[in-house]
Amino acid sequence: MSALPISLTPQPARPPLLLPVRQRRGLAGIAQRHPSLLLGATLLLLIVLLAVFAPWLGTVDPTAIAPSQRIRAPSAAHWFGTDMLGRDIYSRVLYGARVSLTVGFSVAALSTVLGLFIGVLSGYSRWADNLIMRINDGLMAIPSILLAISLMALTRASMSNVVIAVTVAELPRAARLVRGVVLGAREQPYVDAAITAGTPLPRLIWKHILPNTLAPLAVQASYVCASAMLIEASLSFIGVGTPPITPSWGNIMSDGRSLWQVKPFVVFIPAVFLSATVLAVNMLGDGLRDAFDPRMNNRR
């Protein structure tokens, strides 16, 4: 038998067919590593576009009353049917998305900013920690929906008052989260080194403390947004949220609850949109949590 020829020339290494996960970049890499993040963001973006373009996508005025068209089933003229006053449910659902998203995003932004300030003050100032946390514990002892209802009972029904009431109800959780992060960051060696080097307090907080709070706050803000939309719908459903003339998913479901057994679409359709929006925000929050958690990235 003749020996097989052996080539002494080094052969170039063949590139792997699939790059390691950590080497993938861009939207494709994010989608493969965190599919819930991409799916939630896509669904939420679609609902936001429906809300933004509601004046062009809606068929009729959402507040227009047509007694001759009351309680009509879904048809070509009224895609989602009409309610007890003959108002087009399709148009009201589109405009209701504006109310829910405005309340959700506003509450998330306000509770995040105020919670960041209160949490940093409580976590870094020992003299203020006891007072702030005792007030915080008292607010957290009351369920968010009950606290919001109590606050709305003292004011008139309006979207701005709903935002304030829900923000007060959700603020303690954001403040406690930031306080915990600040207390943990204070014990880190790099913070001790910065203090030893004579770093001024404002710069110490800005450069070494605040960056550690951004990732958990972003995740917390998504959950606060979803909770705020549910609380707003609950307040509107029982009549203490947005005014009845303002189309919101809670108001639409409240108007159709007496027709649930005979015309379930009046309640079912806005409930589906509310559930889809809350699901999208929660999936976005879960994806952000996985993306910011180094333990999840190491497993992948």
C-alpha atoms as a PDB file:
ATOM      1  CA  MET A   1       0.000   0.000   0.000  1.00  0.00           C
ATOM      2  CA  SER A   2       1.227   3.466  -0.858  1.00  0.00           C
ATOM      3  CA  ALA A   3       1.315   5.960   1.957  1.00  0.00           C
ATOM      4  CA  LEU A   4      -1.087   8.846   1.762  1.00  0.00           C
ATOM      5  CA  PRO A   5       0.619  12.135   0.908  1.00  0.00           C
ATOM      6  CA  ILE A   6       0.937  14.449   3.874  1.00  0.00           C
ATOM      7  CA  SER A   7       0.925  18.166   3.180  1.00  0.00           C
ATOM      8  CA  LEU A   8       3.229  20.174   5.405  1.00  0.00           C
ATOM      9  CA  THR A   9       1.634  23.440   4.329  1.00  0.00           C
ATOM     10  CA  PRO A  10      -0.620  24.724   7.121  1.00  0.00           C
ATOM     11  CA  GLN A  11      -4.214  24.829   6.046  1.00  0.00           C
ATOM     12  CA  PRO A  12      -6.226  27.945   6.867  1.00  0.00           C
ATOM     13  CA  ALA A  13      -8.749  27.384   9.595  1.00  0.00           C
ATOM     14  CA  ARG A  14     -12.272  27.192   8.333  1.00  0.00           C
ATOM     15  CA  PRO A  15     -14.526  29.844   9.837  1.00  0.00           C
ATOM     16  CA  PRO A  16     -17.235  28.501  12.107  1.00  0.00           C
ATOM     17  CA  LEU A  17     -20.630  28.264  10.579  1.00  0.00           C
ATOM     18  CA  LEU A  18     -22.184  29.977  13.565  1.00  0.00           C
ATOM     19  CA  LEU A  19     -20.476  32.719  15.531  1.00  0.00           C
ATOM     20  CA  PRO A  20     -20.536  32.543  19.303  1.00  0.00           C
ATOM     21  CA  VAL A  21     -23.470  34.263  20.881  1.00  0.00           C
ATOM     22  CA  ARG A  22     -21.294  36.958  22.453  1.00  0.00           C
ATOM     23  CA  GLN A  23     -19.915  37.927  19.026  1.00  0.00           C
ATOM     24  CA  ARG A  24     -23.284  38.579  17.471  1.00  0.00           C
ATOM     25  CA  ARG A  25     -24.296  42.205  17.270  1.00  0.00           C
ATOM     26  CA  GLY A  26     -27.222  44.252  16.104  1.00  0.00           C
ATOM     27  CA  LEU A  27     -30.932  43.544  16.133  1.00  0.00           C
ATOM     28  CA  ALA A  28     -30.457  39.949  14.985  1.00  0.00           C
ATOM     29  CA  GLY A  29     -28.249  39.196  17.967  1.00  0.00           C
ATOM     30  CA  ILE A  30     -30.640  40.885  20.403  1.00  0.00           C
ATOM     31  CA  ALA A  31     -33.570  38.969  18.919  1.00  0.00           C
ATOM     32  CA  GLN A  32     -31.777  35.640  19.282  1.00  0.00           C
ATOM     33  CA  ARG A  33     -30.536  36.291  22.817  1.00  0.00           C
ATOM     34  CA  HIS A  34     -33.688  37.972  24.168  1.00  0.00           C
ATOM     35  CA  PRO A  35     -36.719  37.129  22.002  1.00  0.00           C
ATOM     36  CA  SER A  36     -39.195  38.367  24.627  1.00  0.00           C
ATOM     37  CA  LEU A  37     -37.582  41.808  24.495  1.00  0.00           C
ATOM     38  CA  LEU A  38     -37.985  42.080  20.729  1.00  0.00           C
ATOM     39  CA  LEU A  39     -41.494  40.621  20.721  1.00  0.00           C
ATOM     40  CA  GLY A  40     -42.695  42.874  23.521  1.00  0.00           C
ATOM     41  CA  ALA A  41     -41.136  45.966  21.948  1.00  0.00           C
ATOM     42  CA  THR A  42     -42.668  45.148  18.555  1.00  0.00           C
ATOM     43  CA  LEU A  43     -46.160  44.609  19.963  1.00  0.00           C
ATOM     44  CA  LEU A  44     -45.924  47.752  22.092  1.00  0.00           C
ATOM     45  CA  LEU A  45     -44.708  49.780  19.101  1.00  0.00           C
ATOM     46  CA  LEU A  46     -47.684  48.563  17.070  1.00  0.00           C
ATOM     47  CA  ILE A  47     -50.132  49.659  19.774  1.00  0.00           C
ATOM     48  CA  VAL A  48     -48.374  53.022  20.097  1.00  0.00           C
ATOM     49  CA  LEU A  49     -48.708  53.548  16.334  1.00  0.00           C
ATOM     50  CA  LEU A  50     -52.431  52.741  16.551  1.00  0.00           C
ATOM     51  CA  ALA A  51     -52.803  55.352  19.288  1.00  0.00           C
ATOM     52  CA  VAL A  52     -50.766  58.001  17.469  1.00  0.00           C
ATOM     53  CA  PHE A  53     -52.629  57.578  14.181  1.00  0.00           C
ATOM     54  CA  ALA A  54     -56.062  57.130  15.777  1.00  0.00           C
ATOM     55  CA  PRO A  55     -57.509  60.284  14.105  1.00  0.00           C
ATOM     56  CA  TRP A  56     -56.675  58.806  10.694  1.00  0.00           C
ATOM     57  CA  LEU A  57     -57.416  55.155  11.455  1.00  0.00           C
ATOM     58  CA  GLY A  58     -60.722  55.762  13.220  1.00  0.00           C
ATOM     59  CA  THR A  59     -63.877  55.616  11.159  1.00  0.00           C
ATOM     60  CA  VAL A  60     -66.029  58.186  12.994  1.00  0.00           C
ATOM     61  CA  ASP A  61     -65.902  60.552  15.945  1.00  0.00           C
ATOM     62  CA  PRO A  62     -65.545  58.348  19.068  1.00  0.00           C
ATOM     63  CA  THR A  63     -67.903  60.603  21.049  1.00  0.00           C
ATOM     64  CA  ALA A  64     -70.606  60.863  18.338  1.00  0.00           C
ATOM     65  CA  ILE A  65     -73.940  59.488  19.570  1.00  0.00           C
ATOM     66  CA  ALA A  66     -76.258  57.732  17.100  1.00  0.00           C
ATOM     67  CA  PRO A  67     -79.358  56.305  18.861  1.00  0.00           C
ATOM     68  CA  SER A  68     -80.516  54.607  15.665  1.00  0.00           C
ATOM     69  CA  GLN A  69     -77.258  52.597  15.558  1.00  0.00           C
ATOM     70  CA  ARG A  70     -77.156  51.464  19.172  1.00  0.00           C
ATOM     71  CA  ILE A  71     -75.926  47.964  20.111  1.00  0.00           C
ATOM     72  CA  ARG A  72     -75.059  46.906  16.573  1.00  0.00           C
ATOM     73  CA  ALA A  73     -72.944  43.800  15.986  1.00  0.00           C
ATOM     74  CA  PRO A  74     -69.575  44.134  14.217  1.00  0.00           C
ATOM     75  CA  SER A  75     -70.064  44.914  10.528  1.00  0.00           C
ATOM     76  CA  ALA A  76     -68.426  46.671   7.601  1.00  0.00           C
ATOM     77  CA  ALA A  77     -69.743  50.024   8.824  1.00  0.00           C
ATOM     78  CA  HIS A  78     -68.747  49.436  12.456  1.00  0.00           C
ATOM     79  CA  TRP A  79     -65.846  46.994  12.666  1.00  0.00           C
ATOM     80  CA  PHE A  80     -66.202  46.380  16.412  1.00  0.00           C
ATOM     81  CA  GLY A  81     -69.916  47.180  16.676  1.00  0.00           C
ATOM     82  CA  THR A  82     -71.567  49.987  18.635  1.00  0.00           C
ATOM     83  CA  ASP A  83     -72.398  50.550  22.300  1.00  0.00           C
ATOM     84  CA  MET A  84     -75.640  51.489  24.059  1.00  0.00           C
ATOM     85  CA  LEU A  85     -75.452  55.069  22.761  1.00  0.00           C
ATOM     86  CA  GLY A  86     -74.605  54.092  19.196  1.00  0.00           C
ATOM     87  CA  ARG A  87     -70.953  55.146  19.479  1.00  0.00           C
ATOM     88  CA  ASP A  88     -68.458  53.307  17.302  1.00  0.00           C
ATOM     89  CA  ILE A  89     -66.442  50.924  19.494  1.00  0.00           C
ATOM     90  CA  TYR A  90     -63.584  50.648  17.003  1.00  0.00           C
ATOM     91  CA  SER A  91     -62.892  54.384  17.122  1.00  0.00           C
ATOM     92  CA  ARG A  92     -63.315  54.457  20.896  1.00  0.00           C
ATOM     93  CA  VAL A  93     -60.834  51.610  21.335  1.00  0.00           C
ATOM     94  CA  LEU A  94     -58.221  53.420  19.227  1.00  0.00           C
ATOM     95  CA  TYR A  95     -58.625  56.621  21.214  1.00  0.00           C
ATOM     96  CA  GLY A  96     -58.719  54.613  24.438  1.00  0.00           C
ATOM     97  CA  ALA A  97     -55.202  53.417  23.663  1.00  0.00           C
ATOM     98  CA  ARG A  98     -54.077  57.027  23.944  1.00  0.00           C
ATOM     99  CA  VAL A  99     -55.427  57.310  27.483  1.00  0.00           C
ATOM    100  CA  SER A 100     -53.915  54.045  28.707  1.00  0.00           C
ATOM    101  CA  LEU A 101     -50.510  54.661  27.142  1.00  0.00           C
ATOM    102  CA  THR A 102     -50.402  58.272  28.359  1.00  0.00           C
ATOM    103  CA  VAL A 103     -51.215  57.229  31.918  1.00  0.00           C
ATOM    104  CA  GLY A 104     -48.811  54.281  31.826  1.00  0.00           C
ATOM    105  CA  PHE A 105     -45.836  56.190  30.402  1.00  0.00           C
ATOM    106  CA  SER A 106     -46.477  59.269  32.584  1.00  0.00           C
ATOM    107  CA  VAL A 107     -46.700  57.252  35.794  1.00  0.00           C
ATOM    108  CA  ALA A 108     -43.593  55.245  34.873  1.00  0.00           C
ATOM    109  CA  ALA A 109     -41.597  58.420  34.175  1.00  0.00           C
ATOM    110  CA  LEU A 110     -42.755  60.309  37.276  1.00  0.00           C
ATOM    111  CA  SER A 111     -42.340  57.385  39.663  1.00  0.00           C
ATOM    112  CA  THR A 112     -38.882  56.650  38.227  1.00  0.00           C
ATOM    113  CA  VAL A 113     -37.606  60.216  38.568  1.00  0.00           C
ATOM    114  CA  LEU A 114     -39.098  60.804  42.014  1.00  0.00           C
ATOM    115  CA  GLY A 115     -38.145  57.316  43.183  1.00  0.00           C
ATOM    116  CA  LEU A 116     -34.580  57.916  42.042  1.00  0.00           C
ATOM    117  CA  PHE A 117     -34.336  61.144  44.031  1.00  0.00           C
ATOM    118  CA  ILE A 118     -35.974  59.731  47.159  1.00  0.00           C
ATOM    119  CA  GLY A 119     -34.067  56.451  46.960  1.00  0.00           C
ATOM    120  CA  VAL A 120     -30.670  58.146  46.602  1.00  0.00           C
ATOM    121  CA  LEU A 121     -31.448  60.532  49.469  1.00  0.00           C
ATOM    122  CA  SER A 122     -32.621  57.687  51.694  1.00  0.00           C
ATOM    123  CA  GLY A 123     -29.796  55.328  50.769  1.00  0.00           C
ATOM    124  CA  TYR A 124     -26.987  57.815  51.162  1.00  0.00           C
ATOM    125  CA  SER A 125     -28.264  59.948  54.056  1.00  0.00           C
ATOM    126  CA  ARG A 126     -28.668  57.973  57.266  1.00  0.00           C
ATOM    127  CA  TRP A 127     -30.511  60.768  59.065  1.00  0.00           C
ATOM    128  CA  ALA A 128     -33.262  60.871  56.423  1.00  0.00           C
ATOM    129  CA  ASP A 129     -33.470  57.108  55.896  1.00  0.00           C
ATOM    130  CA  ASN A 130     -35.590  56.301  58.945  1.00  0.00           C
ATOM    131  CA  LEU A 131     -38.186  58.999  58.266  1.00  0.00           C
ATOM    132  CA  ILE A 132     -38.486  58.322  54.545  1.00  0.00           C
ATOM    133  CA  MET A 133     -38.644  54.551  54.882  1.00  0.00           C
ATOM    134  CA  ARG A 134     -41.293  54.656  57.607  1.00  0.00           C
ATOM    135  CA  ILE A 135     -43.521  56.768  55.359  1.00  0.00           C
ATOM    136  CA  ASN A 136     -42.663  54.448  52.485  1.00  0.00           C
ATOM    137  CA  ASP A 137     -43.609  51.365  54.507  1.00  0.00           C
ATOM    138  CA  GLY A 138     -46.934  52.938  55.429  1.00  0.00           C
ATOM    139  CA  LEU A 139     -47.780  53.568  51.778  1.00  0.00           C
ATOM    140  CA  MET A 140     -46.666  50.095  50.714  1.00  0.00           C
ATOM    141  CA  ALA A 141     -48.933  48.538  53.334  1.00  0.00           C
ATOM    142  CA  ILE A 142     -51.926  49.756  51.307  1.00  0.00           C
ATOM    143  CA  PRO A 143     -52.620  47.983  48.001  1.00  0.00           C
ATOM    144  CA  SER A 144     -51.975  50.257  45.039  1.00  0.00           C
ATOM    145  CA  ILE A 145     -55.517  50.092  43.683  1.00  0.00           C
ATOM    146  CA  LEU A 146     -57.066  50.921  47.068  1.00  0.00           C
ATOM    147  CA  LEU A 147     -54.700  53.828  47.607  1.00  0.00           C
ATOM    148  CA  ALA A 148     -55.467  55.170  44.132  1.00  0.00           C
ATOM    149  CA  ILE A 149     -59.221  54.871  44.738  1.00  0.00           C
ATOM    150  CA  SER A 150     -58.871  56.711  48.050  1.00  0.00           C
ATOM    151  CA  LEU A 151     -56.933  59.535  46.437  1.00  0.00           C
ATOM    152  CA  MET A 152     -59.366  59.815  43.526  1.00  0.00           C
ATOM    153  CA  ALA A 153     -62.274  60.026  45.975  1.00  0.00           C
ATOM    154  CA  LEU A 154     -60.794  63.319  47.207  1.00  0.00           C
ATOM    155  CA  THR A 155     -60.602  64.872  43.742  1.00  0.00           C
ATOM    156  CA  ARG A 156     -62.625  65.053  40.555  1.00  0.00           C
ATOM    157  CA  ALA A 157     -62.328  62.536  37.737  1.00  0.00           C
ATOM    158  CA  SER A 158     -59.650  63.583  35.249  1.00  0.00           C
ATOM    159  CA  MET A 159     -56.670  62.002  33.550  1.00  0.00           C
ATOM    160  CA  SER A 160     -54.175  64.289  35.322  1.00  0.00           C
ATOM    161  CA  ASN A 161     -55.579  63.326  38.724  1.00  0.00           C
ATOM    162  CA  VAL A 162     -55.394  59.657  37.754  1.00  0.00           C
ATOM    163  CA  VAL A 163     -51.704  60.086  36.876  1.00  0.00           C
ATOM    164  CA  ILE A 164     -51.011  61.758  40.236  1.00  0.00           C
ATOM    165  CA  ALA A 165     -52.960  59.172  42.235  1.00  0.00           C
ATOM    166  CA  VAL A 166     -51.336  56.191  40.524  1.00  0.00           C
ATOM    167  CA  THR A 167     -47.885  57.778  40.804  1.00  0.00           C
ATOM    168  CA  VAL A 168     -48.306  58.146  44.565  1.00  0.00           C
ATOM    169  CA  ALA A 169     -49.400  54.517  44.756  1.00  0.00           C
ATOM    170  CA  GLU A 170     -46.430  53.213  42.706  1.00  0.00           C
ATOM    171  CA  LEU A 171     -43.720  55.562  43.975  1.00  0.00           C
ATOM    172  CA  PRO A 172     -42.792  53.635  47.178  1.00  0.00           C
ATOM    173  CA  ARG A 173     -41.660  50.552  45.247  1.00  0.00           C
ATOM    174  CA  ALA A 174     -39.342  52.524  42.989  1.00  0.00           C
ATOM    175  CA  ALA A 175     -37.894  54.412  45.965  1.00  0.00           C
ATOM    176  CA  ARG A 176     -37.230  51.211  47.904  1.00  0.00           C
ATOM    177  CA  LEU A 177     -35.554  49.620  44.870  1.00  0.00           C
ATOM    178  CA  VAL A 178     -33.183  52.571  44.416  1.00  0.00           C
ATOM    179  CA  ARG A 179     -32.439  52.671  48.134  1.00  0.00           C
ATOM    180  CA  GLY A 180     -31.392  49.014  48.089  1.00  0.00           C
ATOM    181  CA  VAL A 181     -29.107  49.562  45.104  1.00  0.00           C
ATOM    182  CA  VAL A 182     -27.531  52.641  46.706  1.00  0.00           C
ATOM    183  CA  LEU A 183     -26.924  50.811  49.993  1.00  0.00           C
ATOM    184  CA  GLY A 184     -25.170  48.035  48.090  1.00  0.00           C
ATOM    185  CA  ALA A 185     -23.087  50.430  45.992  1.00  0.00           C
ATOM    186  CA  ARG A 186     -21.923  52.355  49.062  1.00  0.00           C
ATOM    187  CA  GLU A 187     -20.071  49.295  50.307  1.00  0.00           C
ATOM    188  CA  GLN A 188     -18.147  48.717  47.076  1.00  0.00           C
ATOM    189  CA  PRO A 189     -14.346  49.238  47.080  1.00  0.00           C
ATOM    190  CA  TYR A 190     -14.407  51.721  44.205  1.00  0.00           C
ATOM    191  CA  VAL A 191     -16.756  53.976  46.187  1.00  0.00           C
ATOM    192  CA  ASP A 192     -14.434  53.818  49.192  1.00  0.00           C
ATOM    193  CA  ALA A 193     -11.517  54.641  46.909  1.00  0.00           C
ATOM    194  CA  ALA A 194     -13.385  57.636  45.474  1.00  0.00           C
ATOM    195  CA  ILE A 195     -14.189  58.900  48.964  1.00  0.00           C
ATOM    196  CA  THR A 196     -10.551  58.462  50.011  1.00  0.00           C
ATOM    197  CA  ALA A 197      -9.426  60.413  46.950  1.00  0.00           C
ATOM    198  CA  GLY A 198     -11.589  63.335  48.066  1.00  0.00           C
ATOM    199  CA  THR A 199     -14.261  63.101  45.369  1.00  0.00           C
ATOM    200  CA  PRO A 200     -17.019  65.682  46.025  1.00  0.00           C
ATOM    201  CA  LEU A 201     -20.362  64.211  47.062  1.00  0.00           C
ATOM    202  CA  PRO A 202     -22.330  65.365  43.957  1.00  0.00           C
ATOM    203  CA  ARG A 203     -19.701  63.876  41.641  1.00  0.00           C
ATOM    204  CA  LEU A 204     -19.559  60.698  43.740  1.00  0.00           C
ATOM    205  CA  ILE A 205     -23.300  60.195  43.423  1.00  0.00           C
ATOM    206  CA  TRP A 206     -23.376  61.157  39.727  1.00  0.00           C
ATOM    207  CA  LYS A 207     -20.397  59.062  38.589  1.00  0.00           C
ATOM    208  CA  HIS A 208     -20.415  56.063  40.933  1.00  0.00           C
ATOM    209  CA  ILE A 209     -23.886  55.673  42.479  1.00  0.00           C
ATOM    210  CA  LEU A 210     -26.442  56.643  39.824  1.00  0.00           C
ATOM    211  CA  PRO A 211     -25.099  54.400  37.012  1.00  0.00           C
ATOM    212  CA  ASN A 212     -25.793  51.351  39.181  1.00  0.00           C
ATOM    213  CA  THR A 213     -29.480  52.295  39.490  1.00  0.00           C
ATOM    214  CA  LEU A 214     -30.273  52.751  35.790  1.00  0.00           C
ATOM    215  CA  ALA A 215     -30.626  49.078  34.826  1.00  0.00           C
ATOM    216  CA  PRO A 216     -32.939  48.007  37.691  1.00  0.00           C
ATOM    217  CA  LEU A 217     -34.919  51.235  37.348  1.00  0.00           C
ATOM    218  CA  ALA A 218     -35.524  50.580  33.641  1.00  0.00           C
ATOM    219  CA  VAL A 219     -36.941  47.166  34.461  1.00  0.00           C
ATOM    220  CA  GLN A 220     -38.998  48.566  37.335  1.00  0.00           C
ATOM    221  CA  ALA A 221     -40.374  51.320  35.089  1.00  0.00           C
ATOM    222  CA  SER A 222     -41.767  48.762  32.643  1.00  0.00           C
ATOM    223  CA  TYR A 223     -43.623  46.932  35.404  1.00  0.00           C
ATOM    224  CA  VAL A 224     -44.910  50.226  36.825  1.00  0.00           C
ATOM    225  CA  CYS A 225     -46.196  51.161  33.362  1.00  0.00           C
ATOM    226  CA  ALA A 226     -48.159  47.909  33.074  1.00  0.00           C
ATOM    227  CA  SER A 227     -49.530  48.244  36.608  1.00  0.00           C
ATOM    228  CA  ALA A 228     -50.548  51.862  35.977  1.00  0.00           C
ATOM    229  CA  MET A 229     -52.558  50.918  32.890  1.00  0.00           C
ATOM    230  CA  LEU A 230     -54.410  48.230  34.832  1.00  0.00           C
ATOM    231  CA  ILE A 231     -55.132  50.606  37.713  1.00  0.00           C
ATOM    232  CA  GLU A 232     -56.358  53.303  35.312  1.00  0.00           C
ATOM    233  CA  ALA A 233     -58.699  50.832  33.618  1.00  0.00           C
ATOM    234  CA  SER A 234     -59.993  49.698  37.022  1.00  0.00           C
ATOM    235  CA  LEU A 235     -60.588  53.279  38.157  1.00  0.00           C
ATOM    236  CA  SER A 236     -62.426  54.132  34.938  1.00  0.00           C
ATOM    237  CA  PHE A 237     -64.438  50.914  35.171  1.00  0.00           C
ATOM    238  CA  ILE A 238     -65.848  51.868  38.575  1.00  0.00           C
ATOM    239  CA  GLY A 239     -66.384  55.492  37.549  1.00  0.00           C
ATOM    240  CA  VAL A 240     -63.635  57.327  39.460  1.00  0.00           C
ATOM    241  CA  GLY A 241     -61.008  57.489  36.722  1.00  0.00           C
ATOM    242  CA  THR A 242     -61.169  59.430  33.488  1.00  0.00           C
ATOM    243  CA  PRO A 243     -64.434  61.311  32.755  1.00  0.00           C
ATOM    244  CA  PRO A 244     -67.134  59.214  31.028  1.00  0.00           C
ATOM    245  CA  ILE A 245     -66.955  61.412  27.939  1.00  0.00           C
ATOM    246  CA  THR A 246     -63.272  60.514  27.451  1.00  0.00           C
ATOM    247  CA  PRO A 247     -62.853  57.236  25.562  1.00  0.00           C
ATOM    248  CA  SER A 248     -60.785  54.798  27.619  1.00  0.00           C
ATOM    249  CA  TRP A 249     -60.724  51.034  27.763  1.00  0.00           C
ATOM    250  CA  GLY A 250     -62.049  51.071  31.317  1.00  0.00           C
ATOM    251  CA  ASN A 251     -64.965  53.323  30.355  1.00  0.00           C
ATOM    252  CA  ILE A 252     -65.826  51.180  27.331  1.00  0.00           C
ATOM    253  CA  MET A 253     -65.930  48.023  29.443  1.00  0.00           C
ATOM    254  CA  SER A 254     -67.947  49.801  32.111  1.00  0.00           C
ATOM    255  CA  ASP A 255     -70.538  50.964  29.561  1.00  0.00           C
ATOM    256  CA  GLY A 256     -70.953  47.430  28.220  1.00  0.00           C
ATOM    257  CA  ARG A 257     -70.962  45.388  31.439  1.00  0.00           C
ATOM    258  CA  SER A 258     -74.779  45.298  31.530  1.00  0.00           C
ATOM    259  CA  LEU A 259     -74.721  43.772  28.013  1.00  0.00           C
ATOM    260  CA  TRP A 260     -72.076  41.153  28.749  1.00  0.00           C
ATOM    261  CA  GLN A 261     -74.392  38.147  28.427  1.00  0.00           C
ATOM    262  CA  VAL A 262     -76.084  39.282  25.198  1.00  0.00           C
ATOM    263  CA  LYS A 263     -73.400  41.411  23.507  1.00  0.00           C
ATOM    264  CA  PRO A 264     -70.060  40.248  24.915  1.00  0.00           C
ATOM    265  CA  PHE A 265     -68.028  41.997  22.202  1.00  0.00           C
ATOM    266  CA  VAL A 266     -68.679  45.373  23.884  1.00  0.00           C
ATOM    267  CA  VAL A 267     -66.530  44.268  26.847  1.00  0.00           C
ATOM    268  CA  PHE A 268     -64.365  41.622  25.208  1.00  0.00           C
ATOM    269  CA  ILE A 269     -62.725  43.788  22.514  1.00  0.00           C
ATOM    270  CA  PRO A 270     -61.325  46.551  24.784  1.00  0.00           C
ATOM    271  CA  ALA A 271     -60.310  43.873  27.299  1.00  0.00           C
ATOM    272  CA  VAL A 272     -58.253  42.147  24.593  1.00  0.00           C
ATOM    273  CA  PHE A 273     -56.464  45.398  23.718  1.00  0.00           C
ATOM    274  CA  LEU A 274     -55.758  46.114  27.383  1.00  0.00           C
ATOM    275  CA  SER A 275     -54.446  42.582  27.939  1.00  0.00           C
ATOM    276  CA  ALA A 276     -52.253  42.744  24.831  1.00  0.00           C
ATOM    277  CA  THR A 277     -50.756  46.077  25.892  1.00  0.00           C
ATOM    278  CA  VAL A 278     -50.020  44.914  29.430  1.00  0.00           C
ATOM    279  CA  LEU A 279     -48.553  41.683  28.055  1.00  0.00           C
ATOM    280  CA  ALA A 280     -46.293  43.631  25.681  1.00  0.00           C
ATOM    281  CA  VAL A 281     -44.996  45.870  28.468  1.00  0.00           C
ATOM    282  CA  ASN A 282     -44.396  42.895  30.773  1.00  0.00           C
ATOM    283  CA  MET A 283     -42.533  41.015  28.047  1.00  0.00           C
ATOM    284  CA  LEU A 284     -40.444  44.123  27.440  1.00  0.00           C
ATOM    285  CA  GLY A 285     -39.650  44.276  31.146  1.00  0.00           C
ATOM    286  CA  ASP A 286     -38.720  40.586  31.273  1.00  0.00           C
ATOM    287  CA  GLY A 287     -36.454  41.053  28.273  1.00  0.00           C
ATOM    288  CA  LEU A 288     -34.759  44.073  29.850  1.00  0.00           C
ATOM    289  CA  ARG A 289     -34.247  42.134  33.067  1.00  0.00           C
ATOM    290  CA  ASP A 290     -32.584  39.262  31.217  1.00  0.00           C
ATOM    291  CA  ALA A 291     -30.470  41.643  29.137  1.00  0.00           C
ATOM    292  CA  PHE A 292     -29.209  43.521  32.197  1.00  0.00           C
ATOM    293  CA  ASP A 293     -28.625  40.408  34.316  1.00  0.00           C
ATOM    294  CA  PRO A 294     -25.024  39.190  33.801  1.00  0.00           C
ATOM    295  CA  ARG A 295     -25.905  35.755  35.168  1.00  0.00           C
ATOM    296  CA  MET A 296     -28.416  35.228  32.370  1.00  0.00           C
ATOM    297  CA  ASN A 297     -25.844  36.339  29.784  1.00  0.00           C
ATOM    298  CA  ASN A 298     -23.240  33.923  31.162  1.00  0.00           C
ATOM    299  CA  ARG A 299     -25.671  31.029  30.885  1.00  0.00           C
ATOM    300  CA  ARG A 300     -26.177  31.833  27.237  1.00  0.00           C
END
